[in-house]
Amino acid sequence: SVLDVMRKVEHEMYNRQNALFEKTQRVSTDYREISARPIFLFID
């Protein structure tokens, strides 16, 4: 069950990376340029 959740987070990570590559002209950038919210994965 934990792996399923982590895979969904990984999929979102790749989607954001693709969006950054396609939409930005900057070399150094991050998720804020595509107006995404940070995702915090807590594992106790």
PDB file of all heavy atoms in Angstrom:
ATOM      1  N   SER A   1       0.833  -1.211   0.000  1.00  0.00           N
ATOM      2  CA  SER A   1       0.000   0.000   0.000  1.00  0.00           C
ATOM      3  C   SER A   1       0.862   1.253   0.000  1.00  0.00           C
ATOM      4  O   SER A   1       0.563   2.240  -0.678  1.00  0.00           O
ATOM      5  CB  SER A   1      -0.926   0.009   1.219  1.00  0.00           C
ATOM      6  OG  SER A   1      -1.792  -1.101   1.217  1.00  0.00           O
ATOM      7  N   VAL A   2       1.943   1.202   0.772  1.00  0.00           N
ATOM      8  CA  VAL A   2       2.877   2.332   0.815  1.00  0.00           C
ATOM      9  C   VAL A   2       3.533   2.525  -0.548  1.00  0.00           C
ATOM     10  O   VAL A   2       3.671   3.652  -1.038  1.00  0.00           O
ATOM     11  CB  VAL A   2       3.956   2.096   1.900  1.00  0.00           C
ATOM     12  CG1 VAL A   2       5.050   3.154   1.812  1.00  0.00           C
ATOM     13  CG2 VAL A   2       3.316   2.106   3.288  1.00  0.00           C
ATOM     14  N   LEU A   3       3.918   1.428  -1.182  1.00  0.00           N
ATOM     15  CA  LEU A   3       4.552   1.501  -2.508  1.00  0.00           C
ATOM     16  C   LEU A   3       3.603   2.113  -3.531  1.00  0.00           C
ATOM     17  O   LEU A   3       4.031   2.899  -4.387  1.00  0.00           O
ATOM     18  CB  LEU A   3       4.988   0.105  -2.953  1.00  0.00           C
ATOM     19  CG  LEU A   3       6.165  -0.520  -2.200  1.00  0.00           C
ATOM     20  CD1 LEU A   3       6.385  -1.963  -2.644  1.00  0.00           C
ATOM     21  CD2 LEU A   3       7.430   0.293  -2.392  1.00  0.00           C
ATOM     22  N   ASP A   4       2.318   1.787  -3.457  1.00  0.00           N
ATOM     23  CA  ASP A   4       1.344   2.365  -4.389  1.00  0.00           C
ATOM     24  C   ASP A   4       1.301   3.882  -4.262  1.00  0.00           C
ATOM     25  O   ASP A   4       1.265   4.602  -5.269  1.00  0.00           O
ATOM     26  CB  ASP A   4      -0.052   1.785  -4.114  1.00  0.00           C
ATOM     27  CG  ASP A   4      -0.186   0.344  -4.575  1.00  0.00           C
ATOM     28  OD1 ASP A   4       0.655  -0.109  -5.375  1.00  0.00           O
ATOM     29  OD2 ASP A   4      -1.130  -0.336  -4.110  1.00  0.00           O
ATOM     30  N   VAL A   5       1.316   4.380  -3.029  1.00  0.00           N
ATOM     31  CA  VAL A   5       1.297   5.825  -2.802  1.00  0.00           C
ATOM     32  C   VAL A   5       2.585   6.467  -3.309  1.00  0.00           C
ATOM     33  O   VAL A   5       2.559   7.520  -3.964  1.00  0.00           O
ATOM     34  CB  VAL A   5       1.099   6.127  -1.301  1.00  0.00           C
ATOM     35  CG1 VAL A   5       1.305   7.610  -1.014  1.00  0.00           C
ATOM     36  CG2 VAL A   5      -0.283   5.688  -0.848  1.00  0.00           C
ATOM     37  N   MET A   6       3.703   5.834  -3.029  1.00  0.00           N
ATOM     38  CA  MET A   6       4.988   6.381  -3.471  1.00  0.00           C
ATOM     39  C   MET A   6       5.102   6.397  -4.994  1.00  0.00           C
ATOM     40  O   MET A   6       5.686   7.323  -5.576  1.00  0.00           O
ATOM     41  CB  MET A   6       6.136   5.580  -2.853  1.00  0.00           C
ATOM     42  CG  MET A   6       6.227   5.721  -1.332  1.00  0.00           C
ATOM     43  SD  MET A   6       7.502   4.674  -0.587  1.00  0.00           S
ATOM     44  CE  MET A   6       9.007   5.475  -1.162  1.00  0.00           C
ATOM     45  N   ARG A   7       4.519   5.398  -5.650  1.00  0.00           N
ATOM     46  CA  ARG A   7       4.543   5.374  -7.118  1.00  0.00           C
ATOM     47  C   ARG A   7       3.724   6.522  -7.692  1.00  0.00           C
ATOM     48  O   ARG A   7       4.083   7.104  -8.726  1.00  0.00           O
ATOM     49  CB  ARG A   7       4.004   4.028  -7.630  1.00  0.00           C
ATOM     50  CG  ARG A   7       4.928   2.840  -7.341  1.00  0.00           C
ATOM     51  CD  ARG A   7       4.416   1.575  -8.006  1.00  0.00           C
ATOM     52  NE  ARG A   7       5.190   0.400  -7.591  1.00  0.00           N
ATOM     53  CZ  ARG A   7       4.754  -0.533  -6.751  1.00  0.00           C
ATOM     54  NH1 ARG A   7       3.533  -0.429  -6.228  1.00  0.00           N
ATOM     55  NH2 ARG A   7       5.507  -1.554  -6.421  1.00  0.00           N
ATOM     56  N   LYS A   8       2.603   6.859  -7.035  1.00  0.00           N
ATOM     57  CA  LYS A   8       1.796   8.000  -7.484  1.00  0.00           C
ATOM     58  C   LYS A   8       2.578   9.302  -7.334  1.00  0.00           C
ATOM     59  O   LYS A   8       2.506  10.179  -8.209  1.00  0.00           O
ATOM     60  CB  LYS A   8       0.490   8.054  -6.688  1.00  0.00           C
ATOM     61  CG  LYS A   8      -0.474   6.917  -6.998  1.00  0.00           C
ATOM     62  CD  LYS A   8      -1.727   6.997  -6.138  1.00  0.00           C
ATOM     63  CE  LYS A   8      -2.659   5.829  -6.420  1.00  0.00           C
ATOM     64  NZ  LYS A   8      -3.872   5.850  -5.546  1.00  0.00           N
ATOM     65  N   VAL A   9       3.308   9.430  -6.235  1.00  0.00           N
ATOM     66  CA  VAL A   9       4.141  10.616  -6.039  1.00  0.00           C
ATOM     67  C   VAL A   9       5.243  10.665  -7.088  1.00  0.00           C
ATOM     68  O   VAL A   9       5.552  11.724  -7.651  1.00  0.00           O
ATOM     69  CB  VAL A   9       4.742  10.627  -4.617  1.00  0.00           C
ATOM     70  CG1 VAL A   9       5.710  11.797  -4.454  1.00  0.00           C
ATOM     71  CG2 VAL A   9       3.643  10.711  -3.562  1.00  0.00           C
ATOM     72  N   GLU A  10       5.835   9.514  -7.380  1.00  0.00           N
ATOM     73  CA  GLU A  10       6.876   9.454  -8.414  1.00  0.00           C
ATOM     74  C   GLU A  10       6.314   9.862  -9.773  1.00  0.00           C
ATOM     75  O   GLU A  10       6.958  10.599 -10.530  1.00  0.00           O
ATOM     76  CB  GLU A  10       7.456   8.048  -8.481  1.00  0.00           C
ATOM     77  CG  GLU A  10       8.588   7.913  -9.503  1.00  0.00           C
ATOM     78  CD  GLU A  10       9.101   6.494  -9.624  1.00  0.00           C
ATOM     79  OE1 GLU A  10       8.300   5.546  -9.415  1.00  0.00           O
ATOM     80  OE2 GLU A  10      10.287   6.318  -9.947  1.00  0.00           O
ATOM     81  N   HIS A  11       5.115   9.399 -10.093  1.00  0.00           N
ATOM     82  CA  HIS A  11       4.479   9.756 -11.365  1.00  0.00           C
ATOM     83  C   HIS A  11       4.252  11.265 -11.450  1.00  0.00           C
ATOM     84  O   HIS A  11       4.496  11.885 -12.498  1.00  0.00           O
ATOM     85  CB  HIS A  11       3.143   9.010 -11.490  1.00  0.00           C
ATOM     86  CG  HIS A  11       2.430   9.254 -12.788  1.00  0.00           C
ATOM     87  ND1 HIS A  11       2.899   8.807 -14.003  1.00  0.00           N
ATOM     88  CD2 HIS A  11       1.264   9.928 -13.054  1.00  0.00           C
ATOM     89  CE1 HIS A  11       2.071   9.176 -14.963  1.00  0.00           C
ATOM     90  NE2 HIS A  11       1.077   9.869 -14.408  1.00  0.00           N
ATOM     91  N   GLU A  12       3.787  11.869 -10.355  1.00  0.00           N
ATOM     92  CA  GLU A  12       3.600  13.316 -10.324  1.00  0.00           C
ATOM     93  C   GLU A  12       4.935  14.038 -10.489  1.00  0.00           C
ATOM     94  O   GLU A  12       5.015  15.079 -11.151  1.00  0.00           O
ATOM     95  CB  GLU A  12       2.924  13.722  -9.011  1.00  0.00           C
ATOM     96  CG  GLU A  12       2.797  15.224  -8.784  1.00  0.00           C
ATOM     97  CD  GLU A  12       1.911  15.916  -9.801  1.00  0.00           C
ATOM     98  OE1 GLU A  12       1.118  15.224 -10.486  1.00  0.00           O
ATOM     99  OE2 GLU A  12       2.009  17.150  -9.919  1.00  0.00           O
ATOM    100  N   MET A  13       5.982  13.489  -9.894  1.00  0.00           N
ATOM    101  CA  MET A  13       7.322  14.081 -10.023  1.00  0.00           C
ATOM    102  C   MET A  13       7.747  14.126 -11.487  1.00  0.00           C
ATOM    103  O   MET A  13       8.231  15.158 -11.978  1.00  0.00           O
ATOM    104  CB  MET A  13       8.323  13.266  -9.200  1.00  0.00           C
ATOM    105  CG  MET A  13       9.770  13.745  -9.313  1.00  0.00           C
ATOM    106  SD  MET A  13      10.898  12.756  -8.280  1.00  0.00           S
ATOM    107  CE  MET A  13      10.920  11.209  -9.225  1.00  0.00           C
ATOM    108  N   TYR A  14       7.548  13.026 -12.226  1.00  0.00           N
ATOM    109  CA  TYR A  14       7.929  12.990 -13.633  1.00  0.00           C
ATOM    110  C   TYR A  14       7.065  13.934 -14.471  1.00  0.00           C
ATOM    111  O   TYR A  14       7.568  14.572 -15.412  1.00  0.00           O
ATOM    112  CB  TYR A  14       7.818  11.562 -14.166  1.00  0.00           C
ATOM    113  CG  TYR A  14       8.811  10.601 -13.549  1.00  0.00           C
ATOM    114  CD1 TYR A  14       8.470   9.278 -13.296  1.00  0.00           C
ATOM    115  CD2 TYR A  14      10.097  11.027 -13.221  1.00  0.00           C
ATOM    116  CE1 TYR A  14       9.381   8.400 -12.731  1.00  0.00           C
ATOM    117  CE2 TYR A  14      11.016  10.154 -12.648  1.00  0.00           C
ATOM    118  CZ  TYR A  14      10.651   8.845 -12.404  1.00  0.00           C
ATOM    119  OH  TYR A  14      11.559   7.977 -11.837  1.00  0.00           O
ATOM    120  N   ASN A  15       5.777  14.040 -14.141  1.00  0.00           N
ATOM    121  CA  ASN A  15       4.905  14.982 -14.851  1.00  0.00           C
ATOM    122  C   ASN A  15       5.399  16.412 -14.682  1.00  0.00           C
ATOM    123  O   ASN A  15       5.398  17.207 -15.636  1.00  0.00           O
ATOM    124  CB  ASN A  15       3.466  14.870 -14.340  1.00  0.00           C
ATOM    125  CG  ASN A  15       2.758  13.626 -14.845  1.00  0.00           C
ATOM    126  OD1 ASN A  15       3.175  13.033 -15.842  1.00  0.00           O
ATOM    127  ND2 ASN A  15       1.696  13.225 -14.171  1.00  0.00           N
ATOM    128  N   ARG A  16       5.798  16.751 -13.469  1.00  0.00           N
ATOM    129  CA  ARG A  16       6.287  18.109 -13.213  1.00  0.00           C
ATOM    130  C   ARG A  16       7.616  18.356 -13.923  1.00  0.00           C
ATOM    131  O   ARG A  16       7.839  19.446 -14.467  1.00  0.00           O
ATOM    132  CB  ARG A  16       6.447  18.329 -11.707  1.00  0.00           C
ATOM    133  CG  ARG A  16       5.133  18.369 -10.954  1.00  0.00           C
ATOM    134  CD  ARG A  16       5.344  18.668  -9.478  1.00  0.00           C
ATOM    135  NE  ARG A  16       4.079  18.770  -8.753  1.00  0.00           N
ATOM    136  CZ  ARG A  16       3.964  19.261  -7.533  1.00  0.00           C
ATOM    137  NH1 ARG A  16       5.048  19.694  -6.871  1.00  0.00           N
ATOM    138  NH2 ARG A  16       2.789  19.330  -6.941  1.00  0.00           N
ATOM    139  N   GLN A  17       8.477  17.369 -13.919  1.00  0.00           N
ATOM    140  CA  GLN A  17       9.753  17.524 -14.611  1.00  0.00           C
ATOM    141  C   GLN A  17       9.536  17.737 -16.107  1.00  0.00           C
ATOM    142  O   GLN A  17      10.215  18.555 -16.749  1.00  0.00           O
ATOM    143  CB  GLN A  17      10.633  16.301 -14.358  1.00  0.00           C
ATOM    144  CG  GLN A  17      11.164  16.226 -12.935  1.00  0.00           C
ATOM    145  CD  GLN A  17      11.890  14.919 -12.655  1.00  0.00           C
ATOM    146  OE1 GLN A  17      11.560  13.883 -13.224  1.00  0.00           O
ATOM    147  NE2 GLN A  17      12.868  14.964 -11.764  1.00  0.00           N
ATOM    148  N   ASN A  18       8.582  17.013 -16.670  1.00  0.00           N
ATOM    149  CA  ASN A  18       8.275  17.178 -18.088  1.00  0.00           C
ATOM    150  C   ASN A  18       7.697  18.560 -18.368  1.00  0.00           C
ATOM    151  O   ASN A  18       8.048  19.209 -19.363  1.00  0.00           O
ATOM    152  CB  ASN A  18       7.292  16.096 -18.528  1.00  0.00           C
ATOM    153  CG  ASN A  18       6.994  16.163 -20.009  1.00  0.00           C
ATOM    154  OD1 ASN A  18       7.865  15.947 -20.851  1.00  0.00           O
ATOM    155  ND2 ASN A  18       5.746  16.472 -20.352  1.00  0.00           N
ATOM    156  N   ALA A  19       6.813  19.024 -17.456  1.00  0.00           N
ATOM    157  CA  ALA A  19       6.228  20.352 -17.634  1.00  0.00           C
ATOM    158  C   ALA A  19       7.289  21.439 -17.561  1.00  0.00           C
ATOM    159  O   ALA A  19       7.260  22.406 -18.342  1.00  0.00           O
ATOM    160  CB  ALA A  19       5.155  20.586 -16.571  1.00  0.00           C
ATOM    161  N   LEU A  20       8.241  21.290 -16.658  1.00  0.00           N
ATOM    162  CA  LEU A  20       9.326  22.265 -16.551  1.00  0.00           C
ATOM    163  C   LEU A  20      10.173  22.277 -17.827  1.00  0.00           C
ATOM    164  O   LEU A  20      10.570  23.341 -18.317  1.00  0.00           O
ATOM    165  CB  LEU A  20      10.209  21.945 -15.337  1.00  0.00           C
ATOM    166  CG  LEU A  20       9.637  22.304 -13.966  1.00  0.00           C
ATOM    167  CD1 LEU A  20      10.490  21.703 -12.852  1.00  0.00           C
ATOM    168  CD2 LEU A  20       9.558  23.813 -13.798  1.00  0.00           C
ATOM    169  N   PHE A  21      10.427  21.104 -18.377  1.00  0.00           N
ATOM    170  CA  PHE A  21      11.241  21.023 -19.596  1.00  0.00           C
ATOM    171  C   PHE A  21      10.523  21.653 -20.787  1.00  0.00           C
ATOM    172  O   PHE A  21      11.138  22.337 -21.618  1.00  0.00           O
ATOM    173  CB  PHE A  21      11.569  19.557 -19.903  1.00  0.00           C
ATOM    174  CG  PHE A  21      12.438  19.372 -21.106  1.00  0.00           C
ATOM    175  CD1 PHE A  21      13.802  19.611 -21.038  1.00  0.00           C
ATOM    176  CD2 PHE A  21      11.890  18.972 -22.320  1.00  0.00           C
ATOM    177  CE1 PHE A  21      14.599  19.456 -22.158  1.00  0.00           C
ATOM    178  CE2 PHE A  21      12.684  18.808 -23.437  1.00  0.00           C
ATOM    179  CZ  PHE A  21      14.048  19.050 -23.360  1.00  0.00           C
ATOM    180  N   GLU A  22       9.204  21.439 -20.860  1.00  0.00           N
ATOM    181  CA  GLU A  22       8.441  21.916 -22.013  1.00  0.00           C
ATOM    182  C   GLU A  22       8.117  23.407 -21.930  1.00  0.00           C
ATOM    183  O   GLU A  22       8.099  24.098 -22.953  1.00  0.00           O
ATOM    184  CB  GLU A  22       7.129  21.122 -22.126  1.00  0.00           C
ATOM    185  CG  GLU A  22       7.305  19.637 -22.427  1.00  0.00           C
ATOM    186  CD  GLU A  22       7.856  19.377 -23.818  1.00  0.00           C
ATOM    187  OE1 GLU A  22       7.693  20.264 -24.690  1.00  0.00           O
ATOM    188  OE2 GLU A  22       8.448  18.303 -24.033  1.00  0.00           O
ATOM    189  N   LYS A  23       7.876  23.931 -20.729  1.00  0.00           N
ATOM    190  CA  LYS A  23       7.311  25.271 -20.601  1.00  0.00           C
ATOM    191  C   LYS A  23       8.308  26.370 -20.249  1.00  0.00           C
ATOM    192  O   LYS A  23       8.030  27.545 -20.470  1.00  0.00           O
ATOM    193  CB  LYS A  23       6.189  25.258 -19.545  1.00  0.00           C
ATOM    194  CG  LYS A  23       5.008  24.385 -19.934  1.00  0.00           C
ATOM    195  CD  LYS A  23       3.936  24.387 -18.855  1.00  0.00           C
ATOM    196  CE  LYS A  23       2.755  23.504 -19.259  1.00  0.00           C
ATOM    197  NZ  LYS A  23       1.697  23.492 -18.217  1.00  0.00           N
ATOM    198  N   THR A  24       9.440  26.021 -19.668  1.00  0.00           N
ATOM    199  CA  THR A  24      10.354  27.074 -19.225  1.00  0.00           C
ATOM    200  C   THR A  24      11.507  27.273 -20.191  1.00  0.00           C
ATOM    201  O   THR A  24      11.940  26.327 -20.868  1.00  0.00           O
ATOM    202  CB  THR A  24      10.905  26.758 -17.823  1.00  0.00           C
ATOM    203  OG1 THR A  24      11.731  27.847 -17.389  1.00  0.00           O
ATOM    204  CG2 THR A  24      11.750  25.492 -17.855  1.00  0.00           C
ATOM    205  N   GLN A  25      11.977  28.506 -20.262  1.00  0.00           N
ATOM    206  CA  GLN A  25      13.168  28.830 -21.045  1.00  0.00           C
ATOM    207  C   GLN A  25      14.389  29.014 -20.157  1.00  0.00           C
ATOM    208  O   GLN A  25      15.489  29.245 -20.646  1.00  0.00           O
ATOM    209  CB  GLN A  25      12.925  30.116 -21.854  1.00  0.00           C
ATOM    210  CG  GLN A  25      11.776  30.005 -22.853  1.00  0.00           C
ATOM    211  CD  GLN A  25      12.033  28.934 -23.902  1.00  0.00           C
ATOM    212  OE1 GLN A  25      13.133  28.829 -24.447  1.00  0.00           O
ATOM    213  NE2 GLN A  25      11.016  28.130 -24.182  1.00  0.00           N
ATOM    214  N   ARG A  26      14.162  28.900 -18.856  1.00  0.00           N
ATOM    215  CA  ARG A  26      15.261  29.085 -17.905  1.00  0.00           C
ATOM    216  C   ARG A  26      16.037  27.787 -17.755  1.00  0.00           C
ATOM    217  O   ARG A  26      15.501  26.688 -17.890  1.00  0.00           O
ATOM    218  CB  ARG A  26      14.719  29.532 -16.557  1.00  0.00           C
ATOM    219  CG  ARG A  26      13.983  30.862 -16.600  1.00  0.00           C
ATOM    220  CD  ARG A  26      13.290  31.149 -15.286  1.00  0.00           C
ATOM    221  NE  ARG A  26      14.236  31.182 -14.173  1.00  0.00           N
ATOM    222  CZ  ARG A  26      13.873  31.269 -12.906  1.00  0.00           C
ATOM    223  NH1 ARG A  26      12.590  31.315 -12.590  1.00  0.00           N
ATOM    224  NH2 ARG A  26      14.784  31.295 -11.960  1.00  0.00           N
ATOM    225  N   VAL A  27      17.309  27.929 -17.469  1.00  0.00           N
ATOM    226  CA  VAL A  27      18.141  26.747 -17.243  1.00  0.00           C
ATOM    227  C   VAL A  27      17.945  26.232 -15.827  1.00  0.00           C
ATOM    228  O   VAL A  27      17.725  25.042 -15.600  1.00  0.00           O
ATOM    229  CB  VAL A  27      19.631  27.065 -17.507  1.00  0.00           C
ATOM    230  CG1 VAL A  27      20.504  25.858 -17.139  1.00  0.00           C
ATOM    231  CG2 VAL A  27      19.842  27.443 -18.964  1.00  0.00           C
ATOM    232  N   SER A  28      18.025  27.147 -14.848  1.00  0.00           N
ATOM    233  CA  SER A  28      17.823  26.770 -13.443  1.00  0.00           C
ATOM    234  C   SER A  28      16.425  27.186 -13.017  1.00  0.00           C
ATOM    235  O   SER A  28      16.087  28.374 -13.024  1.00  0.00           O
ATOM    236  CB  SER A  28      18.866  27.452 -12.555  1.00  0.00           C
ATOM    237  OG  SER A  28      20.174  27.023 -12.896  1.00  0.00           O
ATOM    238  N   THR A  29      15.603  26.222 -12.658  1.00  0.00           N
ATOM    239  CA  THR A  29      14.224  26.506 -12.289  1.00  0.00           C
ATOM    240  C   THR A  29      13.726  25.413 -11.358  1.00  0.00           C
ATOM    241  O   THR A  29      14.451  24.474 -11.028  1.00  0.00           O
ATOM    242  CB  THR A  29      13.325  26.605 -13.538  1.00  0.00           C
ATOM    243  OG1 THR A  29      12.016  27.027 -13.163  1.00  0.00           O
ATOM    244  CG2 THR A  29      13.242  25.262 -14.249  1.00  0.00           C
ATOM    245  N   ASP A  30      12.480  25.550 -10.919  1.00  0.00           N
ATOM    246  CA  ASP A  30      11.872  24.496 -10.104  1.00  0.00           C
ATOM    247  C   ASP A  30      10.363  24.580 -10.222  1.00  0.00           C
ATOM    248  O   ASP A  30       9.825  25.345 -11.022  1.00  0.00           O
ATOM    249  CB  ASP A  30      12.326  24.566  -8.639  1.00  0.00           C
ATOM    250  CG  ASP A  30      11.996  25.882  -7.973  1.00  0.00           C
ATOM    251  OD1 ASP A  30      10.881  26.411  -8.194  1.00  0.00           O
ATOM    252  OD2 ASP A  30      12.841  26.406  -7.219  1.00  0.00           O
ATOM    253  N   TYR A  31       9.666  23.805  -9.413  1.00  0.00           N
ATOM    254  CA  TYR A  31       8.222  23.640  -9.491  1.00  0.00           C
ATOM    255  C   TYR A  31       7.438  24.937  -9.361  1.00  0.00           C
ATOM    256  O   TYR A  31       6.297  25.049  -9.835  1.00  0.00           O
ATOM    257  CB  TYR A  31       7.763  22.671  -8.398  1.00  0.00           C
ATOM    258  CG  TYR A  31       7.942  23.209  -6.994  1.00  0.00           C
ATOM    259  CD1 TYR A  31       6.886  23.783  -6.293  1.00  0.00           C
ATOM    260  CD2 TYR A  31       9.183  23.167  -6.365  1.00  0.00           C
ATOM    261  CE1 TYR A  31       7.056  24.289  -5.013  1.00  0.00           C
ATOM    262  CE2 TYR A  31       9.362  23.664  -5.090  1.00  0.00           C
ATOM    263  CZ  TYR A  31       8.299  24.224  -4.425  1.00  0.00           C
ATOM    264  OH  TYR A  31       8.474  24.728  -3.158  1.00  0.00           O
ATOM    265  N   ARG A  32       8.018  25.948  -8.744  1.00  0.00           N
ATOM    266  CA  ARG A  32       7.299  27.199  -8.526  1.00  0.00           C
ATOM    267  C   ARG A  32       7.000  27.916  -9.828  1.00  0.00           C
ATOM    268  O   ARG A  32       6.035  28.681  -9.913  1.00  0.00           O
ATOM    269  CB  ARG A  32       8.095  28.096  -7.573  1.00  0.00           C
ATOM    270  CG  ARG A  32       8.189  27.544  -6.155  1.00  0.00           C
ATOM    271  CD  ARG A  32       9.155  28.323  -5.290  1.00  0.00           C
ATOM    272  NE  ARG A  32      10.535  28.173  -5.752  1.00  0.00           N
ATOM    273  CZ  ARG A  32      11.596  28.705  -5.153  1.00  0.00           C
ATOM    274  NH1 ARG A  32      11.422  29.442  -4.059  1.00  0.00           N
ATOM    275  NH2 ARG A  32      12.809  28.516  -5.630  1.00  0.00           N
ATOM    276  N   GLU A  33       7.808  27.677 -10.858  1.00  0.00           N
ATOM    277  CA  GLU A  33       7.589  28.351 -12.140  1.00  0.00           C
ATOM    278  C   GLU A  33       6.327  27.840 -12.837  1.00  0.00           C
ATOM    279  O   GLU A  33       5.744  28.553 -13.667  1.00  0.00           O
ATOM    280  CB  GLU A  33       8.803  28.177 -13.051  1.00  0.00           C
ATOM    281  CG  GLU A  33       8.714  29.029 -14.300  1.00  0.00           C
ATOM    282  CD  GLU A  33      10.008  29.096 -15.084  1.00  0.00           C
ATOM    283  OE1 GLU A  33      11.059  28.708 -14.540  1.00  0.00           O
ATOM    284  OE2 GLU A  33       9.970  29.540 -16.245  1.00  0.00           O
ATOM    285  N   ILE A  34       5.899  26.628 -12.525  1.00  0.00           N
ATOM    286  CA  ILE A  34       4.668  26.102 -13.125  1.00  0.00           C
ATOM    287  C   ILE A  34       3.515  26.159 -12.125  1.00  0.00           C
ATOM    288  O   ILE A  34       2.491  25.489 -12.289  1.00  0.00           O
ATOM    289  CB  ILE A  34       4.871  24.661 -13.644  1.00  0.00           C
ATOM    290  CG1 ILE A  34       5.378  23.745 -12.525  1.00  0.00           C
ATOM    291  CG2 ILE A  34       5.819  24.640 -14.830  1.00  0.00           C
ATOM    292  CD1 ILE A  34       5.452  22.284 -12.929  1.00  0.00           C
ATOM    293  N   SER A  35       3.692  26.965 -11.072  1.00  0.00           N
ATOM    294  CA  SER A  35       2.652  27.215 -10.053  1.00  0.00           C
ATOM    295  C   SER A  35       2.164  25.940  -9.380  1.00  0.00           C
ATOM    296  O   SER A  35       0.975  25.794  -9.075  1.00  0.00           O
ATOM    297  CB  SER A  35       1.459  27.955 -10.684  1.00  0.00           C
ATOM    298  OG  SER A  35       1.872  29.194 -11.223  1.00  0.00           O
ATOM    299  N   ALA A  36       3.075  25.010  -9.151  1.00  0.00           N
ATOM    300  CA  ALA A  36       2.729  23.775  -8.444  1.00  0.00           C
ATOM    301  C   ALA A  36       2.982  23.952  -6.950  1.00  0.00           C
ATOM    302  O   ALA A  36       3.810  24.762  -6.535  1.00  0.00           O
ATOM    303  CB  ALA A  36       3.554  22.607  -8.979  1.00  0.00           C
ATOM    304  N   ARG A  37       2.239  23.221  -6.142  1.00  0.00           N
ATOM    305  CA  ARG A  37       2.433  23.233  -4.702  1.00  0.00           C
ATOM    306  C   ARG A  37       3.456  22.163  -4.323  1.00  0.00           C
ATOM    307  O   ARG A  37       3.489  21.085  -4.934  1.00  0.00           O
ATOM    308  CB  ARG A  37       1.115  22.955  -3.976  1.00  0.00           C
ATOM    309  CG  ARG A  37       0.151  24.113  -3.963  1.00  0.00           C
ATOM    310  CD  ARG A  37      -1.246  23.675  -3.546  1.00  0.00           C
ATOM    311  NE  ARG A  37      -1.271  23.079  -2.211  1.00  0.00           N
ATOM    312  CZ  ARG A  37      -1.408  23.759  -1.077  1.00  0.00           C
ATOM    313  NH1 ARG A  37      -1.501  25.074  -1.127  1.00  0.00           N
ATOM    314  NH2 ARG A  37      -1.472  23.143   0.092  1.00  0.00           N
ATOM    315  N   PRO A  38       4.282  22.431  -3.321  1.00  0.00           N
ATOM    316  CA  PRO A  38       5.203  21.379  -2.877  1.00  0.00           C
ATOM    317  C   PRO A  38       4.441  20.208  -2.280  1.00  0.00           C
ATOM    318  O   PRO A  38       3.342  20.376  -1.739  1.00  0.00           O
ATOM    319  CB  PRO A  38       6.062  22.086  -1.821  1.00  0.00           C
ATOM    320  CG  PRO A  38       5.216  23.226  -1.335  1.00  0.00           C
ATOM    321  CD  PRO A  38       4.408  23.667  -2.524  1.00  0.00           C
ATOM    322  N   ILE A  39       4.995  19.028  -2.416  1.00  0.00           N
ATOM    323  CA  ILE A  39       4.421  17.821  -1.831  1.00  0.00           C
ATOM    324  C   ILE A  39       5.398  17.287  -0.794  1.00  0.00           C
ATOM    325  O   ILE A  39       6.565  17.027  -1.105  1.00  0.00           O
ATOM    326  CB  ILE A  39       4.152  16.747  -2.900  1.00  0.00           C
ATOM    327  CG1 ILE A  39       3.112  17.237  -3.909  1.00  0.00           C
ATOM    328  CG2 ILE A  39       3.681  15.440  -2.247  1.00  0.00           C
ATOM    329  CD1 ILE A  39       2.897  16.287  -5.072  1.00  0.00           C
ATOM    330  N   PHE A  40       4.922  17.146   0.441  1.00  0.00           N
ATOM    331  CA  PHE A  40       5.751  16.625   1.521  1.00  0.00           C
ATOM    332  C   PHE A  40       5.278  15.216   1.864  1.00  0.00           C
ATOM    333  O   PHE A  40       4.124  15.018   2.234  1.00  0.00           O
ATOM    334  CB  PHE A  40       5.658  17.517   2.757  1.00  0.00           C
ATOM    335  CG  PHE A  40       6.163  18.924   2.546  1.00  0.00           C
ATOM    336  CD1 PHE A  40       5.294  19.940   2.146  1.00  0.00           C
ATOM    337  CD2 PHE A  40       7.499  19.232   2.724  1.00  0.00           C
ATOM    338  CE1 PHE A  40       5.748  21.227   1.950  1.00  0.00           C
ATOM    339  CE2 PHE A  40       7.968  20.520   2.523  1.00  0.00           C
ATOM    340  CZ  PHE A  40       7.095  21.517   2.139  1.00  0.00           C
ATOM    341  N   LEU A  41       6.173  14.260   1.717  1.00  0.00           N
ATOM    342  CA  LEU A  41       5.855  12.873   2.039  1.00  0.00           C
ATOM    343  C   LEU A  41       6.494  12.529   3.376  1.00  0.00           C
ATOM    344  O   LEU A  41       7.711  12.420   3.486  1.00  0.00           O
ATOM    345  CB  LEU A  41       6.379  11.945   0.938  1.00  0.00           C
ATOM    346  CG  LEU A  41       6.166  10.435   1.138  1.00  0.00           C
ATOM    347  CD1 LEU A  41       4.686  10.110   1.239  1.00  0.00           C
ATOM    348  CD2 LEU A  41       6.819   9.639   0.012  1.00  0.00           C
ATOM    349  N   PHE A  42       5.664  12.391   4.407  1.00  0.00           N
ATOM    350  CA  PHE A  42       6.128  12.064   5.749  1.00  0.00           C
ATOM    351  C   PHE A  42       6.073  10.548   5.942  1.00  0.00           C
ATOM    352  O   PHE A  42       5.034   9.926   5.697  1.00  0.00           O
ATOM    353  CB  PHE A  42       5.247  12.732   6.803  1.00  0.00           C
ATOM    354  CG  PHE A  42       5.559  14.174   7.062  1.00  0.00           C
ATOM    355  CD1 PHE A  42       5.269  15.139   6.115  1.00  0.00           C
ATOM    356  CD2 PHE A  42       6.154  14.565   8.261  1.00  0.00           C
ATOM    357  CE1 PHE A  42       5.561  16.481   6.346  1.00  0.00           C
ATOM    358  CE2 PHE A  42       6.449  15.900   8.504  1.00  0.00           C
ATOM    359  CZ  PHE A  42       6.158  16.859   7.540  1.00  0.00           C
ATOM    360  N   ILE A  43       7.179   9.958   6.392  1.00  0.00           N
ATOM    361  CA  ILE A  43       7.223   8.531   6.700  1.00  0.00           C
ATOM    362  C   ILE A  43       7.737   8.374   8.124  1.00  0.00           C
ATOM    363  O   ILE A  43       8.907   8.655   8.405  1.00  0.00           O
ATOM    364  CB  ILE A  43       8.124   7.756   5.723  1.00  0.00           C
ATOM    365  CG1 ILE A  43       7.679   7.982   4.274  1.00  0.00           C
ATOM    366  CG2 ILE A  43       8.108   6.272   6.060  1.00  0.00           C
ATOM    367  CD1 ILE A  43       8.539   7.264   3.243  1.00  0.00           C
ATOM    368  N   ASP A  44       6.863   7.948   9.023  1.00  0.00           N
ATOM    369  CA  ASP A  44       7.243   7.750  10.419  1.00  0.00           C
ATOM    370  C   ASP A  44       7.710   6.313  10.631  1.00  0.00           C
ATOM    371  O   ASP A  44       7.184   5.377  10.015  1.00  0.00           O
ATOM    372  CB  ASP A  44       6.053   8.061  11.321  1.00  0.00           C
ATOM    373  CG  ASP A  44       6.450   8.218  12.783  1.00  0.00           C
ATOM    374  OD1 ASP A  44       7.670   8.272  13.058  1.00  0.00           O
ATOM    375  OD2 ASP A  44       5.555   8.281  13.644  1.00  0.00           O
TER     376      ASP A  44
END
